[in-house]
Protein backbone atom coordinates (compact mmCIF):
# COMPACT_ATOMS: atom_id res chain seq x y z
CA MET A 1 -28.39 -52.10 12.51
CA PRO A 2 -26.37 -54.08 15.14
CA ILE A 3 -24.87 -52.27 18.09
CA ALA A 4 -21.31 -53.00 19.18
CA LEU A 5 -20.63 -53.10 22.93
CA ALA A 6 -17.23 -51.87 24.08
CA THR A 7 -16.78 -49.50 27.01
CA LEU A 8 -19.16 -46.38 27.25
CA ALA A 9 -20.73 -43.45 25.23
CA ALA A 10 -23.19 -40.50 25.34
CA ALA A 11 -25.74 -38.12 23.67
CA LEU A 12 -27.35 -34.78 22.73
CA CYS A 13 -30.62 -33.70 21.17
CA ALA A 14 -32.47 -31.25 19.02
CA CYS A 15 -35.68 -30.02 17.49
CA SER A 16 -38.19 -27.28 16.61
CA SER A 17 -38.89 -23.65 15.86
CA PRO A 18 -40.04 -20.79 18.09
CA ALA A 19 -43.52 -20.40 19.61
CA PRO A 20 -44.66 -18.65 22.81
CA GLN A 21 -44.56 -20.80 25.95
CA ALA A 22 -43.65 -20.92 29.62
CA ALA A 23 -43.60 -17.83 31.80
CA THR A 24 -40.26 -16.97 33.38
CA THR A 25 -41.28 -17.10 37.01
CA THR A 26 -39.95 -18.88 40.05
CA THR A 27 -41.79 -19.83 43.19
CA THR A 28 -40.88 -20.97 46.65
CA VAL A 29 -41.63 -24.51 47.83
CA PRO A 30 -42.80 -24.77 51.46
CA PRO A 31 -39.86 -26.44 53.23
CA THR A 32 -41.90 -29.06 55.09
CA THR A 33 -44.23 -30.37 52.40
CA LEU A 34 -43.90 -32.00 49.02
CA PRO A 35 -45.26 -29.92 46.15
CA VAL A 36 -48.38 -31.15 44.37
CA PRO A 37 -48.32 -31.52 40.57
CA VAL A 38 -50.98 -29.88 38.44
CA THR A 39 -52.29 -31.72 35.38
CA LEU A 40 -52.57 -29.66 32.20
CA THR A 41 -55.78 -30.51 30.39
CA GLY A 42 -55.71 -31.25 26.69
CA THR A 43 -52.09 -32.45 26.66
CA SER A 44 -52.64 -36.21 26.47
CA PRO A 45 -51.61 -37.84 23.18
CA GLN A 46 -54.32 -39.64 21.27
CA GLY A 47 -54.26 -43.00 19.52
CA SER A 48 -51.44 -45.48 19.90
CA TYR A 49 -49.41 -43.24 22.23
CA ALA A 50 -52.22 -42.30 24.63
CA SER A 51 -50.50 -44.31 27.38
CA LEU A 52 -47.91 -41.54 27.69
CA GLY A 53 -50.56 -39.51 29.52
CA PRO A 54 -50.90 -35.77 30.13
CA ILE A 55 -48.27 -33.18 30.86
CA GLU A 56 -48.08 -32.03 34.48
CA ARG A 57 -46.31 -29.15 36.23
CA ILE A 58 -44.67 -29.17 39.64
CA PRO A 59 -42.49 -26.70 41.57
CA ALA A 60 -38.98 -28.16 41.78
CA PRO A 61 -36.52 -26.73 44.33
CA ILE A 62 -33.21 -25.57 42.89
CA LEU A 63 -30.87 -27.58 45.10
CA ALA A 64 -27.43 -26.33 45.98
CA LYS A 65 -24.40 -28.46 45.09
CA GLY A 66 -23.69 -31.25 47.55
CA THR A 67 -27.12 -31.31 49.12
CA ALA A 68 -29.05 -34.55 49.19
CA ALA A 69 -32.83 -34.41 48.91
CA PRO A 70 -34.46 -36.12 51.91
CA PRO A 71 -37.26 -38.66 51.71
CA ALA A 72 -40.83 -37.37 51.78
CA SER A 73 -41.10 -38.07 55.52
CA GLU A 74 -38.41 -35.47 56.28
CA PRO A 75 -38.59 -31.70 55.70
CA LEU A 76 -36.74 -30.06 52.83
CA LEU A 77 -34.42 -27.71 54.66
CA PRO A 78 -33.92 -24.22 53.22
CA TYR A 79 -30.85 -25.15 51.20
CA SER A 80 -32.46 -24.43 47.84
CA ALA A 81 -32.32 -21.18 45.89
CA GLY A 82 -36.06 -20.97 45.42
CA SER A 83 -37.81 -23.21 42.95
CA VAL A 84 -38.98 -23.30 39.36
CA ARG A 85 -42.11 -24.75 37.78
CA VAL A 86 -41.15 -27.80 35.71
CA GLY A 87 -43.33 -29.48 33.09
CA PHE A 88 -43.09 -33.26 33.03
CA ARG A 89 -44.74 -36.49 31.93
CA GLN A 90 -44.62 -39.75 33.88
CA PHE A 91 -45.74 -43.18 32.67
CA GLY A 92 -44.89 -46.88 32.70
CA SER A 93 -44.03 -49.17 35.61
CA GLY A 94 -40.89 -50.52 37.23
CA PRO A 95 -37.70 -48.83 38.47
CA ALA A 96 -37.34 -45.09 37.89
CA LEU A 97 -35.84 -43.78 34.64
CA LEU A 98 -35.28 -40.02 34.18
CA LEU A 99 -34.79 -38.76 30.61
CA VAL A 100 -33.06 -35.41 30.06
CA MET A 101 -33.68 -33.78 26.68
CA GLY A 102 -30.90 -32.24 24.61
CA GLN A 103 -30.36 -28.90 22.94
CA HIS A 104 -33.11 -27.22 20.92
CA GLY A 105 -35.76 -29.70 22.01
CA THR A 106 -38.69 -30.13 24.36
CA MET A 107 -39.83 -33.33 26.06
CA THR A 108 -42.43 -33.86 23.31
CA TRP A 109 -39.58 -34.49 20.87
CA TRP A 110 -38.62 -37.82 22.41
CA ASP A 111 -39.50 -40.59 19.98
CA PRO A 112 -42.87 -41.82 21.31
CA GLN A 113 -42.11 -45.39 20.25
CA LEU A 114 -38.90 -45.28 22.28
CA LEU A 115 -40.88 -43.99 25.28
CA THR A 116 -43.53 -46.68 24.89
CA ASP A 117 -40.92 -49.43 24.77
CA LEU A 118 -39.02 -48.02 27.76
CA ALA A 119 -42.30 -47.81 29.72
CA ALA A 120 -42.59 -51.60 29.52
CA HIS A 121 -39.53 -51.81 31.80
CA PHE A 122 -39.38 -48.53 33.75
CA THR A 123 -41.44 -45.80 35.36
CA VAL A 124 -40.32 -43.13 32.93
CA THR A 125 -40.16 -39.40 33.72
CA ILE A 126 -39.49 -36.90 30.94
CA PHE A 127 -39.38 -33.15 31.51
CA ASP A 128 -38.57 -29.80 29.91
CA LEU A 129 -35.38 -28.02 30.86
CA PRO A 130 -36.01 -24.57 32.37
CA GLY A 131 -37.10 -22.09 29.72
CA ALA A 132 -38.20 -24.78 27.26
CA GLY A 133 -41.65 -26.17 26.60
CA TYR A 134 -43.80 -26.21 29.73
CA SER A 135 -41.04 -25.29 32.21
CA ALA A 136 -40.51 -21.76 33.51
CA ALA A 137 -37.16 -20.10 32.91
CA LEU A 138 -34.44 -19.59 35.49
CA ALA A 139 -33.36 -16.12 36.51
CA GLY A 140 -30.17 -15.12 34.74
CA SER A 141 -28.21 -17.19 32.25
CA PRO A 142 -28.66 -20.93 32.86
CA THR A 143 -25.73 -23.30 32.93
CA VAL A 144 -25.38 -27.06 32.74
CA GLU A 145 -24.91 -26.97 36.52
CA SER A 146 -28.10 -24.98 37.15
CA TYR A 147 -30.03 -27.37 34.92
CA ALA A 148 -28.64 -30.22 37.03
CA ASP A 149 -29.69 -28.50 40.26
CA VAL A 150 -33.26 -28.26 38.93
CA ALA A 151 -33.16 -31.92 37.85
CA ALA A 152 -32.12 -32.87 41.40
CA GLY A 153 -35.06 -30.85 42.72
CA LEU A 154 -37.41 -32.65 40.36
CA VAL A 155 -36.11 -36.00 41.62
CA TYR A 156 -36.96 -34.81 45.13
CA SER A 157 -40.38 -33.39 44.23
CA LEU A 158 -41.45 -36.60 42.49
CA GLN A 159 -39.71 -38.80 45.08
CA LEU A 160 -37.84 -40.81 42.45
CA LYS A 161 -35.69 -43.52 43.99
CA LYS A 162 -32.15 -43.36 42.59
CA PRO A 163 -33.38 -43.18 38.99
CA VAL A 164 -31.34 -44.33 36.05
CA ALA A 165 -30.64 -41.00 34.31
CA LEU A 166 -30.48 -40.93 30.51
CA GLY A 167 -29.28 -37.74 28.83
CA TRP A 168 -29.17 -36.97 25.12
CA GLY A 169 -26.59 -34.48 23.83
CA LEU A 170 -26.70 -31.43 26.10
CA GLY A 171 -28.89 -33.58 28.36
CA GLY A 172 -25.93 -35.92 28.77
CA ALA A 173 -23.86 -33.06 30.17
CA VAL A 174 -26.72 -32.26 32.55
CA VAL A 175 -26.75 -35.89 33.72
CA LEU A 176 -22.99 -35.78 34.33
CA ALA A 177 -23.37 -32.58 36.36
CA LEU A 178 -26.24 -34.20 38.27
CA ALA A 179 -24.03 -37.17 39.16
CA GLU A 180 -21.19 -34.84 40.22
CA ARG A 181 -23.24 -32.34 42.22
CA HIS A 182 -25.99 -34.58 43.64
CA PRO A 183 -24.66 -38.16 43.63
CA SER A 184 -27.31 -39.43 46.05
CA SER A 185 -30.09 -38.30 43.68
CA VAL A 186 -29.17 -40.59 40.80
CA GLY A 187 -28.37 -44.22 40.06
CA ARG A 188 -26.79 -45.47 36.84
CA LEU A 189 -26.14 -43.14 33.90
CA VAL A 190 -26.89 -43.54 30.19
CA LEU A 191 -25.11 -40.88 28.11
CA VAL A 192 -26.24 -40.65 24.50
CA ASP A 193 -24.30 -38.48 22.04
CA SER A 194 -22.70 -36.68 24.97
CA MET A 195 -19.47 -34.74 25.03
CA VAL A 196 -16.62 -34.16 27.43
CA GLY A 197 -16.61 -30.85 29.28
CA GLY A 198 -13.44 -28.76 29.37
CA SER A 199 -10.49 -28.56 27.03
CA ARG A 200 -10.66 -32.25 26.08
CA ALA A 201 -13.90 -31.72 24.14
CA LEU A 202 -13.74 -31.85 20.37
CA GLY A 203 -17.00 -29.93 20.28
CA VAL A 204 -19.99 -29.81 17.95
CA PRO A 205 -18.95 -28.99 14.36
CA PRO A 206 -19.63 -25.28 13.62
CA ALA A 207 -22.34 -25.92 11.00
CA ALA A 208 -24.28 -28.20 13.35
CA ALA A 209 -23.80 -25.82 16.29
CA ALA A 210 -25.22 -22.97 14.20
CA VAL A 211 -28.38 -24.96 13.42
CA LEU A 212 -28.91 -25.92 17.07
CA ALA A 213 -28.38 -22.31 18.16
CA SER A 214 -30.84 -20.84 15.65
CA PRO A 215 -34.36 -20.01 16.91
CA THR A 216 -35.73 -19.89 13.35
CA VAL A 217 -34.80 -23.28 11.89
CA THR A 218 -37.55 -25.77 11.18
CA ALA A 219 -38.00 -29.20 12.71
CA GLY A 220 -37.08 -30.70 9.34
CA THR A 221 -33.77 -28.84 9.31
CA VAL A 222 -32.90 -30.04 12.79
CA ALA A 223 -33.96 -33.57 11.85
CA SER A 224 -31.55 -33.46 8.92
CA LEU A 225 -28.72 -33.21 11.48
CA MET A 226 -29.94 -36.19 13.39
CA PHE A 227 -29.90 -38.88 10.73
CA PRO A 228 -27.19 -39.79 8.22
CA ALA A 229 -27.95 -38.66 4.68
CA THR A 230 -28.19 -42.32 3.72
CA GLU A 231 -31.28 -42.77 5.93
CA PRO A 232 -33.97 -40.35 4.67
CA GLY A 233 -36.65 -42.95 5.40
CA ALA A 234 -35.65 -43.18 9.06
CA ARG A 235 -35.76 -39.39 9.38
CA GLN A 236 -39.24 -39.15 7.87
CA ALA A 237 -40.52 -42.01 10.03
CA TRP A 238 -39.16 -40.31 13.17
CA LEU A 239 -40.85 -37.02 12.27
CA ALA A 240 -44.13 -38.82 11.61
CA ARG A 241 -44.04 -40.52 15.03
CA VAL A 242 -43.10 -37.35 16.89
CA PHE A 243 -45.90 -35.34 15.30
CA GLN A 244 -48.44 -37.84 16.59
CA VAL A 245 -47.94 -36.35 20.08
CA SER A 246 -48.22 -32.66 19.06
CA PRO A 247 -44.61 -31.57 19.62
CA ASP A 248 -43.98 -28.15 21.13
CA ASP A 249 -41.72 -25.65 19.47
CA ILE A 250 -39.00 -24.30 21.72
CA VAL A 251 -39.20 -20.52 22.22
CA ALA A 252 -36.39 -18.31 20.95
CA SER A 253 -35.24 -17.42 24.47
CA GLY A 254 -34.97 -21.11 25.32
CA VAL A 255 -32.94 -21.81 22.19
CA ARG A 256 -30.52 -19.02 23.07
CA SER A 257 -30.19 -20.11 26.70
CA GLU A 258 -29.49 -23.73 25.80
CA ALA A 259 -27.04 -22.67 23.08
CA SER A 260 -25.19 -20.54 25.63
CA ALA A 261 -25.05 -23.44 28.11
CA ALA A 262 -23.83 -25.80 25.37
CA ALA A 263 -21.18 -23.34 24.17
CA SER A 264 -19.84 -22.96 27.70
CA LEU A 265 -19.09 -26.68 27.95
CA ALA A 266 -15.71 -26.30 26.28
CA GLY A 267 -14.60 -23.98 29.07
CA ASP A 268 -16.34 -25.90 31.85
CA ARG A 269 -13.25 -27.22 33.58
CA ALA A 270 -15.17 -28.14 36.72
CA LEU A 271 -17.39 -30.58 34.83
CA GLY A 272 -14.48 -32.14 32.97
CA ALA A 273 -12.31 -32.36 36.07
CA GLY A 274 -15.07 -33.99 38.09
CA LEU A 275 -15.65 -36.94 35.77
CA GLY A 276 -13.12 -39.12 37.55
CA GLY A 277 -15.02 -38.71 40.81
CA ILE A 278 -18.37 -39.98 39.49
CA ARG A 279 -19.21 -43.23 41.26
CA SER A 280 -22.21 -44.17 39.15
CA ALA A 281 -21.75 -46.76 36.44
CA ALA A 282 -22.29 -45.26 33.01
CA LEU A 283 -23.29 -46.56 29.60
CA VAL A 284 -22.03 -44.29 26.83
CA ILE A 285 -23.77 -44.58 23.44
CA ASP A 286 -22.90 -42.88 20.15
CA GLY A 287 -23.22 -43.47 16.45
CA LEU A 288 -20.12 -43.75 14.32
CA ALA A 289 -21.85 -41.53 11.71
CA ASP A 290 -22.90 -38.87 14.26
CA GLY A 291 -22.49 -35.43 12.64
CA VAL A 292 -23.28 -33.50 15.85
CA VAL A 293 -21.27 -35.19 18.61
CA PRO A 294 -18.28 -37.02 17.13
CA ALA A 295 -17.92 -40.60 18.32
CA ALA A 296 -14.37 -39.69 19.32
CA ASP A 297 -15.81 -37.29 21.91
CA SER A 298 -17.98 -40.02 23.41
CA THR A 299 -14.99 -42.34 23.46
CA ARG A 300 -12.92 -39.75 25.33
CA LEU A 301 -15.77 -39.26 27.77
CA ALA A 302 -15.98 -42.99 28.41
CA MET A 303 -12.28 -43.22 29.12
CA LEU A 304 -12.56 -40.52 31.80
CA LEU A 305 -15.35 -42.25 33.71
CA PRO A 306 -14.30 -44.82 36.32
CA LYS A 307 -17.14 -47.28 35.66
CA ARG A 308 -18.12 -47.29 32.05
CA LYS A 309 -19.31 -49.27 29.08
CA LEU A 310 -19.12 -47.91 25.55
CA ASP A 311 -21.56 -48.80 22.76
CA LEU A 312 -20.65 -47.45 19.33
CA VAL A 313 -23.33 -48.05 16.72
CA ALA A 314 -22.11 -48.67 13.18
CA GLY A 315 -23.83 -46.20 10.83
CA GLY A 316 -25.68 -44.51 13.69
CA GLY A 317 -26.21 -40.74 13.72
CA TYR A 318 -27.23 -38.18 16.34
CA ALA A 319 -30.66 -39.84 16.52
CA VAL A 320 -29.09 -43.19 17.32
CA LEU A 321 -31.83 -43.88 19.92
CA ALA A 322 -34.43 -43.88 17.15
CA GLU A 323 -32.44 -45.66 14.45
CA ASP A 324 -32.10 -49.07 16.08
CA GLU A 325 -34.55 -48.41 18.88
CA GLY A 326 -35.34 -52.01 19.82
CA ALA A 327 -31.71 -53.05 20.21
CA LEU A 328 -30.85 -49.93 22.18
CA VAL A 329 -33.78 -50.34 24.57
CA SER A 330 -32.60 -53.88 25.18
CA ALA A 331 -29.06 -52.61 25.88
CA ILE A 332 -30.38 -49.96 28.29
CA VAL A 333 -32.54 -52.48 30.16
CA THR A 334 -29.64 -54.93 30.44
CA PHE A 335 -27.32 -52.22 31.70
CA ALA A 336 -29.85 -50.91 34.24
CA GLN A 337 -30.37 -54.40 35.64
CA SER A 338 -26.72 -55.43 35.74
CA GLY A 339 -24.51 -55.31 38.80
């Protein structure tokens, strides 16, 4: 399936059913030392995807808007609102690439073949949003902005150097908030199936939004949203690959929190209004057959970003990253290395 380059587009994500997981606790990071990650035994994939390595946890400070994380040689001043334990995986080599998962998914739902191919070009970091998978929950109701503040803290804790930030669906909104609130923490942006915040957003169709907000739907049901009905083989192949790395179900509380954050996007005027001030170059990707985030939404988003490139994939759905994975990896690498 060829991809058509034009001006810029973005993304979302999905997956799973409920199962008990991360405790909802926060900790405090000592202000003068970098936190040390803890490796979780028994979490390494086996077989062809063993190179993805184990899951680790690290306390990430929740950075306030406008604060820039210092290098490791300088103390982290007390400008964070505590910290939260974040589960992550890191693998590959090369410049830093941070992947932000979308709604109703954990980091184990990234297509492992996509991750393997990206790892040939980047040092890839994937992580669970607070309250999902191996990450502890935030106090109170999370927002796209609070997710972004945690992502900025993770960049600091892992000492990532201006990573390219790729967000899928709700993760795309988190990446936009990260670029707005913590511009020094991020480099270029890749927004896959992502939507515009504020009144300009067309929004996720009600039927799709109901599936993503349900804590009882199966992985197969969510997967049916991700691929066009004309591509049942691609959907089954994606599920088969994902289940080779023992995907985690997202707990009901995490589903509800992410659904609340996603629903608030339409009224998030600050996010929408801040798009014109983002200095990072952005690549916006969407499928023309996307039944979750309409391609028109990604197109609107691209037009509001000062430095953008839009790739609309003919026949591509919400899982556009997995449908023509080789071509899209090539486009992401080219974009990351340009300019």
